[in-house]
Amino acid sequence: MKDIKLYLPLFLLLLVCHSNVFAKTTRPLITVENACNVTGAHLDYRWDVKTEKDTAPPFVTPVKPSDIAAWPGPGGIFDKNTKRTGREKKWYELTGKVKLVRIEPDGDLHIQLADEKADASGVNVVVRIPYGEPWCGIRNEVFSWTKRKMPFKTRGMKLTLTRNPIITVTGRAFYDADYALHGDTTLNERKRTKSKRHPTPPITIWEIHPVMNLRVLRDS
C-alpha cells in the first residue's frame, strides 16, 4: 500500500500529460451540411490568405503539375499571419487529372492533380476549395464525382470517387509551409510513406489555394 501511495502522484501526472497530448492531436469533428456549408470547422493558419475572394485576371499562367513540381520553395519564415509574397501573388491555370479528393478538418475540399499521362508515381499538386460563398458551385461539382451523401460528420476523410476527370483550376499559388520537413521552406516535396503496399506519390508543398474557377475538360 505504501508503494502505491508513493507512485500515485506520478501516475496521475502522466495521465494528465497524456490527456493533454491527446486533446491537442485529436481533430475536431465537423458536420458537412451540404456541399456549401460546414459547421464546427476550426480555422487553420493563414486563414485570411486561404479564403481570399479576389477574381482572377483575364490572363493567367498555364501550368501542369510537373511544372509546379520544379518550383523551389520560397524560403523564409511563415506563421499564421504571413501575407502573400513573391510567387504567392501570381495567378495560375493548372490542368491535371483528379487522383484524390479529401474533406479536411477546416472544411476545405482537397483535390490532388497529376499530369494527365502520369503513372501512379507521378507528382501530385494539391488544390483547395474553401466552404461558403463564392465556392458553392465549385464544391457541388466536386462532390458530384464522389459517392458521399450529405449531411455527414467527419474529422477529415478521403472521399470515394466515381470518376477521375481532367480539370483546369484557376487560383493563386500558395506555399503550405506546415508541410515543409523540419521547417525547411526551401523544399517543395512533402514527407511521404515509402510503404510498398500503400505507397504515396510525391506531393508538392506548393498548392493552388483558393481555387476560384474550375472547369471539367473531359473524363479520363
Protein backbone atom coordinates (compact mmCIF):
# COMPACT_ATOMS: atom_id res chain seq x y z
CA MET A 1 0.00 0.00 0.00
CA LYS A 2 2.87 2.34 0.83
CA ASP A 3 4.39 1.79 -2.64
CA ILE A 4 1.05 2.54 -4.32
CA LYS A 5 0.77 5.85 -2.44
CA LEU A 6 4.33 6.71 -3.45
CA TYR A 7 3.74 6.25 -7.17
CA LEU A 8 0.15 7.54 -7.34
CA PRO A 9 1.12 11.24 -7.87
CA LEU A 10 3.47 10.25 -10.71
CA PHE A 11 0.75 8.13 -12.33
CA LEU A 12 -1.74 10.99 -12.15
CA LEU A 13 0.78 13.41 -13.66
CA LEU A 14 1.44 11.05 -16.57
CA LEU A 15 -2.31 10.60 -17.08
CA VAL A 16 -2.87 14.37 -17.28
CA CYS A 17 0.04 14.80 -19.71
CA HIS A 18 -1.28 12.00 -21.90
CA SER A 19 -4.77 13.54 -21.89
CA ASN A 20 -3.40 16.96 -22.90
CA VAL A 21 -1.40 15.50 -25.77
CA PHE A 22 -4.43 13.52 -26.95
CA ALA A 23 -6.63 16.62 -26.81
CA LYS A 24 -4.15 18.58 -28.91
CA THR A 25 -3.78 15.89 -31.59
CA THR A 26 -7.44 14.89 -31.92
CA ARG A 27 -9.00 16.56 -34.93
CA PRO A 28 -12.29 18.40 -34.45
CA LEU A 29 -15.49 16.69 -35.55
CA ILE A 30 -17.12 18.76 -38.28
CA THR A 31 -20.52 18.48 -39.97
CA VAL A 32 -20.75 18.83 -43.74
CA GLU A 33 -24.34 20.04 -44.00
CA ASN A 34 -24.23 20.23 -47.79
CA ALA A 35 -21.66 20.96 -50.48
CA CYS A 36 -21.53 24.62 -49.49
CA ASN A 37 -21.88 24.70 -45.70
CA VAL A 38 -19.71 23.21 -42.96
CA THR A 39 -20.20 23.64 -39.21
CA GLY A 40 -17.67 23.05 -36.44
CA ALA A 41 -14.63 23.57 -38.66
CA HIS A 42 -11.57 25.05 -36.98
CA LEU A 43 -9.80 27.96 -38.64
CA ASP A 44 -6.40 26.95 -39.92
CA TYR A 45 -3.28 29.11 -40.06
CA ARG A 46 -3.08 31.88 -42.71
CA TRP A 47 -6.87 31.66 -42.90
CA ASP A 48 -7.31 35.17 -44.34
CA VAL A 49 -4.96 34.36 -47.22
CA LYS A 50 -6.53 30.97 -47.89
CA THR A 51 -10.05 32.39 -48.14
CA GLU A 52 -9.39 35.45 -50.30
CA LYS A 53 -12.22 36.08 -52.75
CA ASP A 54 -10.35 38.04 -55.44
CA THR A 55 -11.35 37.50 -59.06
CA ALA A 56 -8.75 36.09 -61.43
CA PRO A 57 -7.29 38.49 -64.01
CA PRO A 58 -8.06 37.94 -67.73
CA PHE A 59 -4.69 36.32 -68.42
CA VAL A 60 -3.03 33.81 -66.10
CA THR A 61 -0.06 31.46 -66.50
CA PRO A 62 -0.98 27.93 -67.67
CA VAL A 63 0.85 25.09 -65.86
CA LYS A 64 0.65 21.36 -65.25
CA PRO A 65 1.55 19.52 -62.02
CA SER A 66 5.05 18.58 -63.19
CA ASP A 67 5.75 22.30 -63.82
CA ILE A 68 4.85 23.17 -60.21
CA ALA A 69 6.99 20.26 -59.00
CA ALA A 70 10.03 22.05 -60.48
CA TRP A 71 9.47 25.21 -58.39
CA PRO A 72 11.83 25.69 -55.45
CA GLY A 73 10.43 26.57 -52.06
CA PRO A 74 10.33 30.32 -51.32
CA GLY A 75 12.46 30.17 -48.18
CA GLY A 76 11.82 32.39 -45.18
CA ILE A 77 9.64 32.11 -42.10
CA PHE A 78 5.87 31.55 -42.22
CA ASP A 79 3.38 31.95 -39.39
CA LYS A 80 -0.41 32.21 -39.07
CA ASN A 81 -0.39 35.88 -40.10
CA THR A 82 2.04 35.72 -43.05
CA LYS A 83 0.75 37.64 -46.05
CA ARG A 84 1.22 36.65 -49.67
CA THR A 85 4.62 37.39 -51.14
CA GLY A 86 6.61 36.51 -54.26
CA ARG A 87 5.09 33.69 -56.32
CA GLU A 88 2.07 33.55 -54.00
CA LYS A 89 0.80 36.77 -55.56
CA LYS A 90 0.71 35.23 -59.04
CA TRP A 91 -2.29 33.53 -60.67
CA TYR A 92 -2.06 30.16 -62.41
CA GLU A 93 -4.29 27.92 -64.52
CA LEU A 94 -3.45 24.34 -63.56
CA THR A 95 -4.60 21.40 -65.67
CA GLY A 96 -4.38 17.81 -64.49
CA LYS A 97 -6.13 14.53 -63.74
CA VAL A 98 -8.01 14.16 -60.44
CA LYS A 99 -6.27 11.49 -58.37
CA LEU A 100 -7.79 12.01 -54.92
CA VAL A 101 -10.38 14.12 -53.10
CA ARG A 102 -10.49 14.69 -49.32
CA ILE A 103 -12.60 16.75 -46.95
CA GLU A 104 -10.29 18.44 -44.45
CA PRO A 105 -10.90 19.32 -40.76
CA ASP A 106 -11.01 23.01 -41.72
CA GLY A 107 -13.83 22.29 -44.21
CA ASP A 108 -11.68 22.62 -47.33
CA LEU A 109 -12.07 20.24 -50.24
CA HIS A 110 -8.57 18.94 -51.00
CA ILE A 111 -8.02 17.71 -54.58
CA GLN A 112 -4.81 16.13 -55.84
CA LEU A 113 -3.97 16.58 -59.52
CA ALA A 114 -1.32 14.83 -61.61
CA ASP A 115 -0.24 15.19 -65.22
CA GLU A 116 -2.82 13.52 -67.47
CA LYS A 117 -0.40 10.84 -68.72
CA ALA A 118 1.45 10.34 -65.42
CA ASP A 119 1.59 6.88 -63.83
CA ALA A 120 0.82 6.11 -60.17
CA SER A 121 4.17 7.54 -59.07
CA GLY A 122 3.63 10.86 -60.86
CA VAL A 123 3.88 14.04 -58.80
CA ASN A 124 0.63 15.39 -57.31
CA VAL A 125 -0.30 19.01 -56.67
CA VAL A 126 -2.94 19.86 -54.07
CA VAL A 127 -5.63 22.42 -54.91
CA ARG A 128 -8.07 23.51 -52.21
CA ILE A 129 -11.61 24.83 -52.21
CA PRO A 130 -12.94 26.52 -49.04
CA TYR A 131 -16.58 26.25 -47.97
CA GLY A 132 -19.17 29.01 -48.32
CA GLU A 133 -19.58 31.65 -50.99
CA PRO A 134 -18.22 32.07 -53.62
CA TRP A 135 -17.20 28.39 -53.78
CA CYS A 136 -20.61 26.68 -53.57
CA GLY A 137 -20.88 25.88 -57.28
CA ILE A 138 -17.34 24.52 -57.46
CA ARG A 139 -17.87 22.31 -54.41
CA ASN A 140 -21.16 20.98 -55.80
CA GLU A 141 -19.27 19.92 -58.93
CA VAL A 142 -16.54 18.16 -56.95
CA PHE A 143 -18.98 16.30 -54.68
CA SER A 144 -20.76 15.06 -57.83
CA TRP A 145 -17.64 12.98 -58.59
CA THR A 146 -17.99 11.08 -55.29
CA LYS A 147 -20.30 8.60 -53.58
CA ARG A 148 -20.62 10.68 -50.43
CA LYS A 149 -24.15 11.61 -49.35
CA MET A 150 -24.81 14.64 -47.16
CA PRO A 151 -25.05 15.61 -44.39
CA PHE A 152 -22.23 13.71 -42.71
CA LYS A 153 -19.81 14.12 -39.82
CA THR A 154 -16.07 13.64 -40.09
CA ARG A 155 -12.68 14.57 -38.70
CA GLY A 156 -11.33 14.59 -42.24
CA MET A 157 -11.59 11.77 -44.74
CA LYS A 158 -10.80 10.57 -48.22
CA LEU A 159 -13.88 10.53 -50.48
CA THR A 160 -14.60 7.61 -52.82
CA LEU A 161 -14.51 8.79 -56.43
CA THR A 162 -16.86 7.60 -59.17
CA ARG A 163 -14.83 9.36 -61.87
CA ASN A 164 -11.39 10.90 -62.35
CA PRO A 165 -11.91 13.84 -64.69
CA ILE A 166 -9.30 16.02 -66.33
CA ILE A 167 -9.88 19.52 -64.97
CA THR A 168 -8.46 23.02 -65.07
CA VAL A 169 -8.45 25.13 -61.92
CA THR A 170 -7.55 28.79 -61.59
CA GLY A 171 -6.15 30.43 -58.48
CA ARG A 172 -3.09 31.88 -56.80
CA ALA A 173 -0.12 29.79 -55.76
CA PHE A 174 0.14 29.04 -52.03
CA TYR A 175 3.11 27.61 -50.14
CA ASP A 176 1.74 25.43 -47.34
CA ALA A 177 4.73 25.69 -45.01
CA ASP A 178 3.08 23.36 -42.48
CA TYR A 179 4.29 20.51 -44.71
CA ALA A 180 7.90 21.68 -45.00
CA LEU A 181 10.08 18.93 -43.50
CA HIS A 182 11.87 20.22 -40.38
CA GLY A 183 10.62 23.71 -41.26
CA ASP A 184 12.88 23.91 -44.34
CA THR A 185 10.91 26.25 -46.60
CA THR A 186 13.35 25.84 -49.48
CA LEU A 187 11.79 22.40 -50.10
CA ASN A 188 8.90 21.56 -52.41
CA GLU A 189 8.00 17.97 -51.54
CA ARG A 190 6.04 16.75 -48.55
CA LYS A 191 7.14 13.87 -46.38
CA ARG A 192 5.50 10.68 -47.68
CA THR A 193 5.23 7.00 -46.82
CA LYS A 194 7.58 4.60 -48.56
CA SER A 195 5.32 1.58 -47.96
CA LYS A 196 5.45 -0.93 -50.82
CA ARG A 197 1.87 -1.92 -50.10
CA HIS A 198 0.43 1.60 -49.81
CA PRO A 199 2.92 3.98 -51.42
CA THR A 200 2.04 7.64 -51.72
CA PRO A 201 3.08 9.70 -54.74
CA PRO A 202 5.34 12.71 -54.35
CA ILE A 203 3.21 15.72 -53.40
CA THR A 204 4.37 19.32 -53.74
CA ILE A 205 4.23 21.83 -50.91
CA TRP A 206 3.20 24.47 -53.43
CA GLU A 207 -0.59 24.43 -53.94
CA ILE A 208 -3.29 26.37 -55.73
CA HIS A 209 -5.31 27.85 -52.88
CA PRO A 210 -8.01 29.00 -53.01
CA VAL A 211 -9.41 27.74 -56.30
CA MET A 212 -11.54 30.48 -57.82
CA ASN A 213 -12.60 28.70 -61.01
CA LEU A 214 -12.89 25.05 -62.06
CA ARG A 215 -13.67 23.58 -65.47
CA VAL A 216 -14.12 19.91 -66.31
CA LEU A 217 -12.43 19.26 -69.64
CA ARG A 218 -13.24 15.56 -70.07
CA ASP A 219 -13.25 12.20 -68.34
CA SER A 220 -10.01 10.24 -68.47
